[in-house]
Amino acid sequence: MVSEREYERQAPLTLHALIAALDALEDEDFEAELASDILTVEFADGTKYIVNSHRAARQIWMAAELQAWHFDWQPDHARWVAAKTQEELWSTLSRVIAGKLGRPLVLAPSAR
């Protein structure tokens, strides 16, 4: 498990990078909002996808389309990965949003 200090540094950076990437798309088919370490992506039909910081588990959790992922920070690779599926946070969020929209969409962190 990642240290609390590393988690407290990486989780907010990731959530802020995600909202920046979503906002940069300027996509009219969904709205994204970050408040209190909870990132909400809401679509025109009212569907919501949630990405949030879960301090107790030191993970980032995501819920979308009746599925849930628990992403752990991998400092050696500088990425968040779901232990059960080995899926990476950015690509997973890109995939589920693209699936909802019915068109390609790629999210990528900007250079820090």
C-alpha atoms as a PDB file:
ATOM      1  CA  MET A   1       0.000   0.000   0.000  1.00  0.00           C
ATOM      2  CA  VAL A   2       1.209   3.483  -0.837  1.00  0.00           C
ATOM      3  CA  SER A   3       2.171   5.700   2.077  1.00  0.00           C
ATOM      4  CA  GLU A   4      -0.385   8.175   3.353  1.00  0.00           C
ATOM      5  CA  ARG A   5       1.931  11.036   2.442  1.00  0.00           C
ATOM      6  CA  GLU A   6       2.329   9.834  -1.160  1.00  0.00           C
ATOM      7  CA  TYR A   7      -1.412   9.217  -1.449  1.00  0.00           C
ATOM      8  CA  GLU A   8      -2.214  12.709  -0.125  1.00  0.00           C
ATOM      9  CA  ARG A   9       0.095  14.143  -2.773  1.00  0.00           C
ATOM     10  CA  GLN A  10      -0.938  12.033  -5.766  1.00  0.00           C
ATOM     11  CA  ALA A  11      -4.735  11.728  -5.402  1.00  0.00           C
ATOM     12  CA  PRO A  12      -5.510  15.477  -5.554  1.00  0.00           C
ATOM     13  CA  LEU A  13      -3.014  15.982  -8.382  1.00  0.00           C
ATOM     14  CA  THR A  14      -4.725  13.237 -10.366  1.00  0.00           C
ATOM     15  CA  LEU A  15      -8.260  14.494  -9.752  1.00  0.00           C
ATOM     16  CA  HIS A  16      -7.272  18.030 -10.750  1.00  0.00           C
ATOM     17  CA  ALA A  17      -5.507  16.715 -13.866  1.00  0.00           C
ATOM     18  CA  LEU A  18      -8.601  14.695 -14.793  1.00  0.00           C
ATOM     19  CA  ILE A  19     -10.939  17.678 -14.482  1.00  0.00           C
ATOM     20  CA  ALA A  20      -8.530  19.833 -16.483  1.00  0.00           C
ATOM     21  CA  ALA A  21      -8.391  17.205 -19.250  1.00  0.00           C
ATOM     22  CA  LEU A  22     -12.188  16.853 -19.311  1.00  0.00           C
ATOM     23  CA  ASP A  23     -12.698  20.628 -19.350  1.00  0.00           C
ATOM     24  CA  ALA A  24     -10.151  20.999 -22.162  1.00  0.00           C
ATOM     25  CA  LEU A  25     -12.303  18.776 -24.385  1.00  0.00           C
ATOM     26  CA  GLU A  26     -15.039  21.419 -24.358  1.00  0.00           C
ATOM     27  CA  ASP A  27     -17.501  18.637 -25.088  1.00  0.00           C
ATOM     28  CA  GLU A  28     -21.156  19.645 -25.032  1.00  0.00           C
ATOM     29  CA  ASP A  29     -22.380  16.087 -24.422  1.00  0.00           C
ATOM     30  CA  PHE A  30     -21.301  16.025 -20.778  1.00  0.00           C
ATOM     31  CA  GLU A  31     -20.337  18.280 -17.897  1.00  0.00           C
ATOM     32  CA  ALA A  32     -17.560  17.576 -15.425  1.00  0.00           C
ATOM     33  CA  GLU A  33     -17.258  19.036 -11.947  1.00  0.00           C
ATOM     34  CA  LEU A  34     -14.741  18.539  -9.152  1.00  0.00           C
ATOM     35  CA  ALA A  35     -15.836  19.304  -5.598  1.00  0.00           C
ATOM     36  CA  SER A  36     -14.445  17.946  -2.314  1.00  0.00           C
ATOM     37  CA  ASP A  37     -12.299  15.284  -4.013  1.00  0.00           C
ATOM     38  CA  ILE A  38     -15.314  13.993  -5.974  1.00  0.00           C
ATOM     39  CA  LEU A  39     -15.222  14.258  -9.757  1.00  0.00           C
ATOM     40  CA  THR A  40     -18.656  13.952 -11.341  1.00  0.00           C
ATOM     41  CA  VAL A  41     -19.169  13.514 -15.075  1.00  0.00           C
ATOM     42  CA  GLU A  42     -22.825  14.098 -15.944  1.00  0.00           C
ATOM     43  CA  PHE A  43     -24.372  13.372 -19.326  1.00  0.00           C
ATOM     44  CA  ALA A  44     -27.415  14.960 -20.955  1.00  0.00           C
ATOM     45  CA  ASP A  45     -29.619  11.993 -19.992  1.00  0.00           C
ATOM     46  CA  GLY A  46     -28.763  12.447 -16.301  1.00  0.00           C
ATOM     47  CA  THR A  47     -26.324   9.553 -16.097  1.00  0.00           C
ATOM     48  CA  LYS A  48     -23.430  10.266 -13.741  1.00  0.00           C
ATOM     49  CA  TYR A  49     -19.975   8.740 -13.505  1.00  0.00           C
ATOM     50  CA  ILE A  50     -18.123   9.331 -10.254  1.00  0.00           C
ATOM     51  CA  VAL A  51     -14.375   9.351  -9.594  1.00  0.00           C
ATOM     52  CA  ASN A  52     -13.370  10.042  -6.017  1.00  0.00           C
ATOM     53  CA  SER A  53     -10.532  10.000  -3.575  1.00  0.00           C
ATOM     54  CA  HIS A  54     -10.999   7.305  -0.916  1.00  0.00           C
ATOM     55  CA  ARG A  55      -8.583   8.251   1.837  1.00  0.00           C
ATOM     56  CA  ALA A  56      -9.228   5.297   4.153  1.00  0.00           C
ATOM     57  CA  ALA A  57      -8.231   2.809   1.453  1.00  0.00           C
ATOM     58  CA  ARG A  58      -5.671   5.180  -0.137  1.00  0.00           C
ATOM     59  CA  GLN A  59      -7.291   4.566  -3.499  1.00  0.00           C
ATOM     60  CA  ILE A  60      -9.157   6.398  -6.201  1.00  0.00           C
ATOM     61  CA  TRP A  61     -12.554   4.837  -6.757  1.00  0.00           C
ATOM     62  CA  MET A  62     -14.623   5.074  -9.915  1.00  0.00           C
ATOM     63  CA  ALA A  63     -18.224   4.100 -10.583  1.00  0.00           C
ATOM     64  CA  ALA A  64     -19.751   4.060 -14.066  1.00  0.00           C
ATOM     65  CA  GLU A  65     -22.440   2.003 -15.800  1.00  0.00           C
ATOM     66  CA  LEU A  66     -23.070  -0.310 -12.820  1.00  0.00           C
ATOM     67  CA  GLN A  67     -19.350  -1.079 -12.502  1.00  0.00           C
ATOM     68  CA  ALA A  68     -16.822  -0.019  -9.904  1.00  0.00           C
ATOM     69  CA  TRP A  69     -13.036   0.180  -9.914  1.00  0.00           C
ATOM     70  CA  HIS A  70     -10.588   0.701  -7.046  1.00  0.00           C
ATOM     71  CA  PHE A  71      -7.342   2.154  -8.351  1.00  0.00           C
ATOM     72  CA  ASP A  72      -4.084   1.902  -6.392  1.00  0.00           C
ATOM     73  CA  TRP A  73      -1.156   4.258  -6.920  1.00  0.00           C
ATOM     74  CA  GLN A  74       1.850   2.528  -8.483  1.00  0.00           C
ATOM     75  CA  PRO A  75       4.769   4.854  -7.776  1.00  0.00           C
ATOM     76  CA  ASP A  76       7.202   2.866  -9.945  1.00  0.00           C
ATOM     77  CA  HIS A  77       4.994   3.514 -12.982  1.00  0.00           C
ATOM     78  CA  ALA A  78       3.434   6.812 -11.821  1.00  0.00           C
ATOM     79  CA  ARG A  79      -0.112   5.646 -12.502  1.00  0.00           C
ATOM     80  CA  TRP A  80      -3.293   4.433 -10.822  1.00  0.00           C
ATOM     81  CA  VAL A  81      -4.174   0.787 -11.559  1.00  0.00           C
ATOM     82  CA  ALA A  82      -7.138  -1.383 -10.520  1.00  0.00           C
ATOM     83  CA  ALA A  83      -5.726  -4.490  -8.830  1.00  0.00           C
ATOM     84  CA  LYS A  84      -8.588  -6.768  -9.941  1.00  0.00           C
ATOM     85  CA  THR A  85      -8.489  -5.904 -13.639  1.00  0.00           C
ATOM     86  CA  GLN A  86      -5.091  -4.223 -14.130  1.00  0.00           C
ATOM     87  CA  GLU A  87      -6.913  -1.359 -15.849  1.00  0.00           C
ATOM     88  CA  GLU A  88      -5.331   2.098 -15.658  1.00  0.00           C
ATOM     89  CA  LEU A  89      -7.448   5.037 -14.444  1.00  0.00           C
ATOM     90  CA  TRP A  90      -7.030   7.423 -17.407  1.00  0.00           C
ATOM     91  CA  SER A  91      -7.641   4.806 -20.080  1.00  0.00           C
ATOM     92  CA  THR A  92     -10.576   3.309 -18.177  1.00  0.00           C
ATOM     93  CA  LEU A  93     -12.294   6.663 -17.780  1.00  0.00           C
ATOM     94  CA  SER A  94     -11.645   7.421 -21.460  1.00  0.00           C
ATOM     95  CA  ARG A  95     -13.123   4.068 -22.475  1.00  0.00           C
ATOM     96  CA  VAL A  96     -16.314   4.329 -20.404  1.00  0.00           C
ATOM     97  CA  ILE A  97     -16.999   7.921 -21.467  1.00  0.00           C
ATOM     98  CA  ALA A  98     -16.358   7.013 -25.117  1.00  0.00           C
ATOM     99  CA  GLY A  99     -18.729   4.070 -24.740  1.00  0.00           C
ATOM    100  CA  LYS A 100     -21.433   6.312 -23.335  1.00  0.00           C
ATOM    101  CA  LEU A 101     -20.951   8.893 -26.079  1.00  0.00           C
ATOM    102  CA  GLY A 102     -20.673   6.294 -28.847  1.00  0.00           C
ATOM    103  CA  ARG A 103     -17.531   7.876 -30.254  1.00  0.00           C
ATOM    104  CA  PRO A 104     -13.775   7.871 -29.596  1.00  0.00           C
ATOM    105  CA  LEU A 105     -12.457   9.953 -26.740  1.00  0.00           C
ATOM    106  CA  VAL A 106      -8.967   9.961 -25.273  1.00  0.00           C
ATOM    107  CA  LEU A 107      -8.022  11.601 -22.011  1.00  0.00           C
ATOM    108  CA  ALA A 108      -4.377  12.222 -21.310  1.00  0.00           C
ATOM    109  CA  PRO A 109      -2.680  14.085 -18.500  1.00  0.00           C
ATOM    110  CA  SER A 110      -0.910  17.239 -19.502  1.00  0.00           C
ATOM    111  CA  ALA A 111       2.801  17.471 -18.860  1.00  0.00           C
ATOM    112  CA  ARG A 112       3.445  18.500 -15.279  1.00  0.00           C
END
